[in-house]
N, C-alpha and C. Protein backbone atom coordinates (compact mmCIF):
# COMPACT_ATOMS: atom_id res chain seq x y z
N MET A 1 -74.76 23.13 19.41
CA MET A 1 -73.64 22.88 18.51
C MET A 1 -72.47 22.29 19.30
N VAL A 2 -71.55 21.67 18.56
CA VAL A 2 -70.44 20.97 19.19
C VAL A 2 -69.57 21.90 20.04
N GLN A 3 -69.33 23.12 19.58
CA GLN A 3 -68.45 24.02 20.33
C GLN A 3 -69.04 24.40 21.68
N GLU A 4 -70.38 24.41 21.82
CA GLU A 4 -70.99 24.73 23.10
C GLU A 4 -70.66 23.66 24.14
N LYS A 5 -70.61 22.40 23.70
CA LYS A 5 -70.23 21.31 24.60
C LYS A 5 -68.81 21.53 25.12
N PHE A 6 -67.92 21.93 24.24
CA PHE A 6 -66.54 22.18 24.64
C PHE A 6 -66.45 23.41 25.54
N ALA A 7 -67.21 24.46 25.21
CA ALA A 7 -67.16 25.71 25.98
C ALA A 7 -67.63 25.50 27.41
N SER A 8 -68.59 24.61 27.61
CA SER A 8 -69.07 24.40 28.98
C SER A 8 -68.09 23.59 29.82
N ASN A 9 -67.19 22.86 29.17
CA ASN A 9 -66.25 22.00 29.90
C ASN A 9 -64.83 22.51 29.98
N TYR A 10 -64.46 23.43 29.06
CA TYR A 10 -63.05 23.83 28.96
C TYR A 10 -62.91 25.34 28.82
N ASP A 11 -61.83 25.85 29.43
CA ASP A 11 -61.44 27.25 29.26
C ASP A 11 -60.32 27.37 28.24
N LEU A 12 -59.60 26.26 28.01
CA LEU A 12 -58.48 26.25 27.07
C LEU A 12 -58.50 24.96 26.27
N VAL A 13 -58.42 25.09 24.94
CA VAL A 13 -58.26 23.94 24.07
C VAL A 13 -56.94 24.13 23.34
N ILE A 14 -56.05 23.15 23.51
CA ILE A 14 -54.73 23.16 22.91
C ILE A 14 -54.76 22.19 21.73
N PHE A 15 -54.25 22.63 20.60
CA PHE A 15 -54.23 21.81 19.40
C PHE A 15 -52.79 21.43 19.03
N ASP A 16 -52.61 20.20 18.58
CA ASP A 16 -51.37 19.83 17.92
C ASP A 16 -51.40 20.51 16.55
N ARG A 17 -50.26 20.64 15.90
CA ARG A 17 -50.26 21.31 14.59
C ARG A 17 -50.35 20.31 13.44
N ASP A 18 -49.26 19.59 13.16
CA ASP A 18 -49.24 18.70 12.00
C ASP A 18 -50.17 17.52 12.21
N GLY A 19 -51.07 17.32 11.27
CA GLY A 19 -52.06 16.26 11.38
C GLY A 19 -53.34 16.71 12.05
N VAL A 20 -53.36 17.95 12.56
CA VAL A 20 -54.55 18.48 13.22
C VAL A 20 -54.93 19.81 12.56
N ILE A 21 -54.20 20.87 12.85
CA ILE A 21 -54.49 22.18 12.26
C ILE A 21 -54.18 22.15 10.76
N ASN A 22 -53.08 21.53 10.42
CA ASN A 22 -52.77 21.33 9.01
C ASN A 22 -52.62 19.85 8.75
N PHE A 23 -52.89 19.47 7.52
CA PHE A 23 -52.74 18.07 7.15
C PHE A 23 -51.26 17.69 7.21
N ALA A 24 -51.00 16.44 7.50
CA ALA A 24 -49.63 15.95 7.58
C ALA A 24 -48.94 16.14 6.23
N PRO A 25 -47.62 16.21 6.25
CA PRO A 25 -46.88 16.37 4.99
C PRO A 25 -47.24 15.26 3.99
N LYS A 26 -47.17 15.61 2.72
CA LYS A 26 -47.54 14.67 1.67
C LYS A 26 -46.35 13.81 1.25
N GLY A 27 -46.67 12.63 0.76
CA GLY A 27 -45.63 11.74 0.24
C GLY A 27 -44.69 11.26 1.32
N ASN A 28 -43.41 11.24 1.01
CA ASN A 28 -42.40 10.78 1.95
C ASN A 28 -41.89 11.88 2.87
N ALA A 29 -42.40 13.09 2.69
CA ALA A 29 -41.95 14.22 3.52
C ALA A 29 -42.32 13.97 4.98
N ARG A 30 -41.42 14.34 5.87
CA ARG A 30 -41.67 14.17 7.30
C ARG A 30 -42.06 15.48 7.96
N TYR A 31 -41.76 16.60 7.29
CA TYR A 31 -41.96 17.91 7.91
C TYR A 31 -42.55 18.90 6.92
N ILE A 32 -43.29 19.86 7.45
CA ILE A 32 -43.71 21.03 6.69
C ILE A 32 -42.56 22.02 6.80
N LEU A 33 -41.93 22.35 5.67
CA LEU A 33 -40.74 23.19 5.70
C LEU A 33 -40.95 24.57 5.10
N SER A 34 -42.15 24.84 4.58
CA SER A 34 -42.42 26.15 4.00
C SER A 34 -43.92 26.43 4.04
N VAL A 35 -44.25 27.69 3.89
CA VAL A 35 -45.65 28.10 3.85
C VAL A 35 -46.35 27.41 2.66
N GLU A 36 -45.63 27.24 1.56
CA GLU A 36 -46.22 26.62 0.37
C GLU A 36 -46.64 25.18 0.61
N GLU A 37 -46.01 24.50 1.54
CA GLU A 37 -46.35 23.11 1.85
C GLU A 37 -47.51 23.00 2.83
N LEU A 38 -47.91 24.12 3.40
CA LEU A 38 -48.95 24.14 4.42
C LEU A 38 -50.32 23.91 3.79
N ASP A 39 -51.06 22.94 4.29
CA ASP A 39 -52.42 22.63 3.82
C ASP A 39 -53.31 22.58 5.06
N LEU A 40 -54.02 23.69 5.31
CA LEU A 40 -54.81 23.81 6.54
C LEU A 40 -56.07 22.95 6.47
N ASN A 41 -56.44 22.42 7.62
CA ASN A 41 -57.67 21.66 7.77
C ASN A 41 -58.78 22.66 8.08
N GLU A 42 -59.59 22.97 7.10
CA GLU A 42 -60.62 24.01 7.26
C GLU A 42 -61.64 23.65 8.35
N LEU A 43 -61.91 22.36 8.54
CA LEU A 43 -62.84 21.97 9.62
C LEU A 43 -62.28 22.39 10.97
N ILE A 44 -60.99 22.18 11.16
CA ILE A 44 -60.36 22.55 12.43
C ILE A 44 -60.26 24.06 12.57
N ILE A 45 -59.92 24.76 11.50
CA ILE A 45 -59.85 26.22 11.56
C ILE A 45 -61.22 26.78 11.94
N ASN A 46 -62.28 26.27 11.33
CA ASN A 46 -63.63 26.73 11.69
C ASN A 46 -63.98 26.37 13.13
N PHE A 47 -63.55 25.21 13.56
CA PHE A 47 -63.78 24.77 14.94
C PHE A 47 -63.08 25.72 15.92
N ILE A 48 -61.85 26.11 15.60
CA ILE A 48 -61.11 27.06 16.44
C ILE A 48 -61.88 28.38 16.52
N LEU A 49 -62.36 28.87 15.38
CA LEU A 49 -63.12 30.12 15.35
C LEU A 49 -64.38 30.02 16.20
N GLU A 50 -65.07 28.89 16.11
CA GLU A 50 -66.28 28.69 16.90
C GLU A 50 -65.96 28.66 18.40
N LEU A 51 -64.89 27.96 18.77
CA LEU A 51 -64.49 27.93 20.17
C LEU A 51 -64.17 29.33 20.68
N GLN A 52 -63.38 30.06 19.89
CA GLN A 52 -63.03 31.43 20.28
C GLN A 52 -64.28 32.29 20.44
N GLY A 53 -65.28 32.04 19.61
CA GLY A 53 -66.52 32.79 19.69
C GLY A 53 -67.30 32.54 20.97
N THR A 54 -67.03 31.42 21.63
CA THR A 54 -67.69 31.11 22.90
C THR A 54 -66.85 31.52 24.09
N GLY A 55 -65.67 32.10 23.83
CA GLY A 55 -64.80 32.55 24.92
C GLY A 55 -63.73 31.57 25.33
N VAL A 56 -63.65 30.42 24.65
CA VAL A 56 -62.61 29.44 24.96
C VAL A 56 -61.29 29.92 24.37
N GLU A 57 -60.23 29.87 25.16
CA GLU A 57 -58.89 30.19 24.69
C GLU A 57 -58.38 29.03 23.84
N THR A 58 -57.61 29.33 22.81
CA THR A 58 -57.06 28.30 21.93
C THR A 58 -55.58 28.58 21.67
N CYS A 59 -54.81 27.51 21.54
CA CYS A 59 -53.39 27.65 21.23
C CYS A 59 -52.89 26.35 20.62
N VAL A 60 -51.60 26.31 20.31
CA VAL A 60 -50.99 25.16 19.66
C VAL A 60 -49.78 24.69 20.46
N ALA A 61 -49.62 23.37 20.59
CA ALA A 61 -48.43 22.76 21.18
C ALA A 61 -47.89 21.78 20.14
N THR A 62 -46.67 22.04 19.66
CA THR A 62 -46.17 21.26 18.53
C THR A 62 -44.68 20.95 18.64
N ASN A 63 -44.34 19.69 18.38
CA ASN A 63 -42.94 19.30 18.23
C ASN A 63 -42.50 19.71 16.83
N GLN A 64 -41.37 20.37 16.73
CA GLN A 64 -40.83 20.76 15.42
C GLN A 64 -39.33 20.46 15.37
N GLN A 65 -39.04 19.16 15.37
CA GLN A 65 -37.66 18.69 15.34
C GLN A 65 -36.93 19.16 14.08
N CYS A 66 -37.67 19.56 13.05
CA CYS A 66 -37.04 20.05 11.81
C CYS A 66 -36.15 21.26 12.09
N VAL A 67 -36.44 22.02 13.14
CA VAL A 67 -35.57 23.14 13.53
C VAL A 67 -34.27 22.59 14.11
N GLY A 68 -34.37 21.64 15.01
CA GLY A 68 -33.19 21.03 15.61
C GLY A 68 -32.32 20.32 14.59
N LYS A 69 -32.95 19.80 13.54
CA LYS A 69 -32.20 19.14 12.47
C LYS A 69 -31.65 20.15 11.45
N ARG A 70 -31.96 21.40 11.67
CA ARG A 70 -31.51 22.50 10.80
C ARG A 70 -32.04 22.39 9.37
N LEU A 71 -33.25 21.81 9.27
CA LEU A 71 -33.92 21.77 7.97
C LEU A 71 -34.59 23.11 7.67
N ILE A 72 -35.00 23.79 8.74
CA ILE A 72 -35.52 25.16 8.64
C ILE A 72 -35.04 25.94 9.85
N SER A 73 -35.08 27.25 9.72
CA SER A 73 -34.69 28.13 10.83
C SER A 73 -35.92 28.46 11.67
N VAL A 74 -35.68 29.05 12.82
CA VAL A 74 -36.78 29.52 13.67
C VAL A 74 -37.59 30.56 12.91
N ASP A 75 -36.93 31.42 12.15
CA ASP A 75 -37.65 32.42 11.35
C ASP A 75 -38.56 31.77 10.32
N GLN A 76 -38.09 30.73 9.68
CA GLN A 76 -38.92 30.02 8.70
C GLN A 76 -40.11 29.35 9.39
N LEU A 77 -39.87 28.77 10.55
CA LEU A 77 -40.96 28.17 11.32
C LEU A 77 -41.98 29.23 11.71
N ASN A 78 -41.50 30.39 12.14
CA ASN A 78 -42.41 31.48 12.51
C ASN A 78 -43.24 31.95 11.31
N ARG A 79 -42.66 31.92 10.11
CA ARG A 79 -43.42 32.29 8.91
C ARG A 79 -44.57 31.31 8.69
N ILE A 80 -44.32 30.03 8.93
CA ILE A 80 -45.39 29.02 8.79
C ILE A 80 -46.49 29.31 9.82
N HIS A 81 -46.10 29.57 11.05
CA HIS A 81 -47.09 29.85 12.09
C HIS A 81 -47.83 31.15 11.81
N ASN A 82 -47.12 32.15 11.30
CA ASN A 82 -47.78 33.40 10.92
C ASN A 82 -48.79 33.19 9.81
N ALA A 83 -48.48 32.31 8.85
CA ALA A 83 -49.42 32.02 7.77
C ALA A 83 -50.71 31.41 8.32
N ILE A 84 -50.58 30.55 9.31
CA ILE A 84 -51.77 29.97 9.96
C ILE A 84 -52.57 31.09 10.62
N ASN A 85 -51.88 31.96 11.36
CA ASN A 85 -52.57 33.05 12.06
C ASN A 85 -53.19 34.06 11.11
N ILE A 86 -52.59 34.28 9.97
CA ILE A 86 -53.19 35.19 8.97
C ILE A 86 -54.53 34.63 8.52
N GLN A 87 -54.58 33.34 8.27
CA GLN A 87 -55.85 32.73 7.84
C GLN A 87 -56.90 32.81 8.94
N ILE A 88 -56.50 32.58 10.17
CA ILE A 88 -57.44 32.66 11.29
C ILE A 88 -57.92 34.10 11.46
N SER A 89 -57.03 35.05 11.36
CA SER A 89 -57.39 36.46 11.49
C SER A 89 -58.32 36.90 10.36
N LYS A 90 -58.02 36.49 9.13
CA LYS A 90 -58.87 36.84 7.99
C LYS A 90 -60.30 36.32 8.18
N ALA A 91 -60.40 35.18 8.86
CA ALA A 91 -61.72 34.59 9.10
C ALA A 91 -62.41 35.18 10.33
N GLY A 92 -61.75 36.15 10.98
CA GLY A 92 -62.35 36.81 12.13
C GLY A 92 -61.93 36.26 13.47
N GLY A 93 -60.93 35.39 13.48
CA GLY A 93 -60.49 34.79 14.73
C GLY A 93 -59.33 35.51 15.37
N VAL A 94 -58.95 35.00 16.53
CA VAL A 94 -57.83 35.53 17.31
C VAL A 94 -56.59 34.69 16.98
N PRO A 95 -55.46 35.32 16.65
CA PRO A 95 -54.24 34.55 16.35
C PRO A 95 -53.88 33.61 17.50
N LEU A 96 -53.32 32.48 17.14
CA LEU A 96 -52.95 31.46 18.11
C LEU A 96 -51.54 31.69 18.65
N ASP A 97 -51.35 31.37 19.92
CA ASP A 97 -50.00 31.28 20.48
C ASP A 97 -49.48 29.88 20.14
N PHE A 98 -48.21 29.80 19.74
CA PHE A 98 -47.59 28.52 19.40
C PHE A 98 -46.54 28.19 20.45
N PHE A 99 -46.73 27.06 21.11
CA PHE A 99 -45.76 26.53 22.06
C PHE A 99 -45.03 25.42 21.31
N THR A 100 -43.74 25.64 21.06
CA THR A 100 -43.00 24.79 20.13
C THR A 100 -41.77 24.18 20.79
N CYS A 101 -41.58 22.89 20.53
CA CYS A 101 -40.34 22.23 20.92
C CYS A 101 -39.51 22.03 19.65
N PRO A 102 -38.35 22.72 19.56
CA PRO A 102 -37.50 22.58 18.38
C PRO A 102 -36.41 21.52 18.55
N HIS A 103 -36.39 20.86 19.69
CA HIS A 103 -35.27 19.99 20.05
C HIS A 103 -35.30 18.64 19.34
N LEU A 104 -34.13 18.05 19.25
CA LEU A 104 -33.99 16.70 18.72
C LEU A 104 -34.44 15.69 19.78
N ILE A 105 -34.92 14.55 19.35
CA ILE A 105 -35.34 13.50 20.28
C ILE A 105 -34.22 13.16 21.25
N GLU A 106 -33.00 13.09 20.73
CA GLU A 106 -31.85 12.69 21.54
C GLU A 106 -31.56 13.65 22.70
N GLU A 107 -32.03 14.88 22.60
CA GLU A 107 -31.78 15.86 23.65
C GLU A 107 -32.57 15.58 24.93
N GLU A 108 -33.60 14.77 24.81
CA GLU A 108 -34.42 14.38 25.96
C GLU A 108 -34.86 15.58 26.79
N CYS A 109 -35.30 16.63 26.12
CA CYS A 109 -35.78 17.84 26.79
C CYS A 109 -37.12 17.56 27.48
N GLU A 110 -37.55 18.48 28.28
CA GLU A 110 -38.83 18.33 28.99
C GLU A 110 -40.03 18.82 28.18
N CYS A 111 -39.74 19.54 27.07
CA CYS A 111 -40.85 20.11 26.31
C CYS A 111 -41.32 19.21 25.17
N ARG A 112 -40.51 18.28 24.74
CA ARG A 112 -40.88 17.45 23.59
C ARG A 112 -41.92 16.41 23.99
N LYS A 113 -43.07 16.46 23.31
CA LYS A 113 -44.08 15.43 23.56
C LYS A 113 -43.48 14.08 23.18
N PRO A 114 -43.64 13.06 23.96
CA PRO A 114 -44.73 12.84 24.91
C PRO A 114 -44.53 13.40 26.32
N LYS A 115 -43.46 14.10 26.58
CA LYS A 115 -43.34 14.75 27.88
C LYS A 115 -44.33 15.92 27.92
N PRO A 116 -44.74 16.34 29.10
CA PRO A 116 -45.84 17.32 29.21
C PRO A 116 -45.45 18.79 29.18
N GLY A 117 -44.17 19.10 29.00
CA GLY A 117 -43.71 20.49 29.15
C GLY A 117 -44.45 21.52 28.33
N LEU A 118 -44.70 21.25 27.05
CA LEU A 118 -45.41 22.23 26.22
C LEU A 118 -46.82 22.49 26.74
N LEU A 119 -47.48 21.44 27.16
CA LEU A 119 -48.86 21.59 27.66
C LEU A 119 -48.89 22.34 28.98
N ILE A 120 -47.95 22.04 29.84
CA ILE A 120 -47.85 22.74 31.12
C ILE A 120 -47.57 24.22 30.88
N ASN A 121 -46.66 24.52 29.95
CA ASN A 121 -46.37 25.92 29.62
C ASN A 121 -47.59 26.64 29.08
N ALA A 122 -48.33 25.98 28.22
CA ALA A 122 -49.53 26.59 27.64
C ALA A 122 -50.56 26.89 28.73
N MET A 123 -50.83 25.91 29.58
CA MET A 123 -51.81 26.13 30.65
C MET A 123 -51.36 27.26 31.57
N SER A 124 -50.08 27.28 31.91
CA SER A 124 -49.54 28.32 32.77
C SER A 124 -49.68 29.70 32.11
N SER A 125 -49.37 29.77 30.83
CA SER A 125 -49.45 31.04 30.11
C SER A 125 -50.87 31.60 30.10
N PHE A 126 -51.84 30.73 30.01
CA PHE A 126 -53.24 31.16 29.99
C PHE A 126 -53.87 31.17 31.38
N GLY A 127 -53.15 30.71 32.39
CA GLY A 127 -53.69 30.69 33.75
C GLY A 127 -54.86 29.75 33.91
N VAL A 128 -54.77 28.60 33.25
CA VAL A 128 -55.87 27.64 33.24
C VAL A 128 -55.39 26.33 33.88
N THR A 129 -56.25 25.70 34.64
CA THR A 129 -55.92 24.43 35.29
C THR A 129 -56.09 23.26 34.32
N PRO A 130 -55.43 22.14 34.61
CA PRO A 130 -55.61 20.95 33.76
C PRO A 130 -57.07 20.49 33.68
N GLU A 131 -57.81 20.67 34.77
CA GLU A 131 -59.21 20.23 34.79
C GLU A 131 -60.07 20.98 33.78
N ARG A 132 -59.64 22.17 33.39
CA ARG A 132 -60.41 23.00 32.46
C ARG A 132 -59.72 23.11 31.11
N SER A 133 -58.80 22.13 30.83
CA SER A 133 -58.03 22.16 29.59
C SER A 133 -58.21 20.86 28.82
N LEU A 134 -58.11 20.98 27.51
CA LEU A 134 -58.22 19.83 26.60
C LEU A 134 -57.11 19.93 25.57
N PHE A 135 -56.51 18.80 25.23
CA PHE A 135 -55.52 18.74 24.17
C PHE A 135 -56.08 17.87 23.05
N ILE A 136 -56.05 18.39 21.82
CA ILE A 136 -56.52 17.66 20.65
C ILE A 136 -55.30 17.33 19.79
N GLY A 137 -55.09 16.04 19.55
CA GLY A 137 -53.94 15.61 18.78
C GLY A 137 -54.26 14.44 17.87
N ASP A 138 -53.22 13.94 17.22
CA ASP A 138 -53.41 12.82 16.29
C ASP A 138 -52.45 11.66 16.53
N GLN A 139 -51.59 11.79 17.53
CA GLN A 139 -50.57 10.77 17.78
C GLN A 139 -50.66 10.25 19.21
N LEU A 140 -50.16 9.04 19.42
CA LEU A 140 -50.10 8.47 20.77
C LEU A 140 -49.25 9.36 21.67
N SER A 141 -48.19 9.96 21.14
CA SER A 141 -47.35 10.85 21.96
C SER A 141 -48.14 12.05 22.47
N ASP A 142 -49.13 12.51 21.71
CA ASP A 142 -49.99 13.60 22.16
C ASP A 142 -50.84 13.14 23.36
N LYS A 143 -51.39 11.95 23.24
CA LYS A 143 -52.23 11.40 24.31
C LYS A 143 -51.40 11.20 25.59
N ILE A 144 -50.20 10.68 25.45
CA ILE A 144 -49.33 10.45 26.61
C ILE A 144 -48.98 11.78 27.27
N ALA A 145 -48.68 12.81 26.47
CA ALA A 145 -48.37 14.13 27.02
C ALA A 145 -49.56 14.68 27.80
N ALA A 146 -50.75 14.54 27.25
CA ALA A 146 -51.95 15.02 27.94
C ALA A 146 -52.15 14.29 29.27
N GLU A 147 -51.99 12.98 29.24
CA GLU A 147 -52.13 12.21 30.48
C GLU A 147 -51.10 12.63 31.51
N SER A 148 -49.86 12.86 31.07
CA SER A 148 -48.79 13.28 31.98
C SER A 148 -49.05 14.66 32.58
N ALA A 149 -49.72 15.52 31.81
CA ALA A 149 -50.05 16.87 32.30
C ALA A 149 -51.41 16.92 32.98
N ALA A 150 -52.09 15.78 33.07
CA ALA A 150 -53.37 15.63 33.76
C ALA A 150 -54.50 16.43 33.13
N LEU A 151 -54.48 16.56 31.78
CA LEU A 151 -55.61 17.20 31.12
C LEU A 151 -56.27 16.22 30.17
N ASP A 152 -57.50 16.54 29.79
CA ASP A 152 -58.24 15.67 28.89
C ASP A 152 -57.60 15.66 27.52
N PHE A 153 -57.82 14.56 26.80
CA PHE A 153 -57.27 14.40 25.45
C PHE A 153 -58.36 13.90 24.53
N LEU A 154 -58.30 14.35 23.27
CA LEU A 154 -59.22 13.88 22.24
C LEU A 154 -58.44 13.72 20.94
N TYR A 155 -58.57 12.52 20.35
CA TYR A 155 -57.99 12.34 19.02
C TYR A 155 -58.81 13.15 18.02
N VAL A 156 -58.12 13.85 17.12
CA VAL A 156 -58.78 14.74 16.18
C VAL A 156 -59.85 14.00 15.37
N GLU A 157 -59.59 12.76 15.01
CA GLU A 157 -60.57 12.03 14.20
C GLU A 157 -61.85 11.69 14.98
N ASN A 158 -61.84 11.89 16.29
CA ASN A 158 -63.02 11.62 17.10
C ASN A 158 -63.91 12.85 17.32
N ILE A 159 -63.56 13.97 16.72
CA ILE A 159 -64.41 15.16 16.84
C ILE A 159 -65.59 15.00 15.90
N ASP A 160 -66.76 15.15 16.46
CA ASP A 160 -67.99 15.11 15.67
C ASP A 160 -68.36 16.55 15.32
N PHE A 161 -68.17 16.93 14.07
CA PHE A 161 -68.40 18.31 13.67
C PHE A 161 -69.86 18.63 13.38
N ARG A 162 -70.77 17.67 13.60
CA ARG A 162 -72.19 17.93 13.35
C ARG A 162 -72.82 18.72 14.46
């Protein structure tokens, strides 16, 4: 199965959130601002569960500028992340750690992708080297962050779930 291929190559798989774990916001919306707007990608949720079942650590690295723009609070963002973890837990999985950049683009912080800070923090938190880590995303900024942190990258649409 596909997860066995990943388990033999990686100790940690890091997922982007919007456009990967959950579908991107609908219409003209730029951000997921509530649990009600959250639409999880069941293929990815099942993939996470399968990876966890093989012993691979999983987590999320996500830019959430909506906090910096004061469209939602940190508490509201945590409710969205908790809703994701509730679904994973209900399905028998391990809740995900979320590494989040709440900063505005203009702040030029080190954690906002395409800079590698979130990925470096995630690997450090799990004690995993870049050689044994993979980042799955949907944007060029995700790929650039992975390259900058020296870990493998895979566009979500390139995962073969067969």
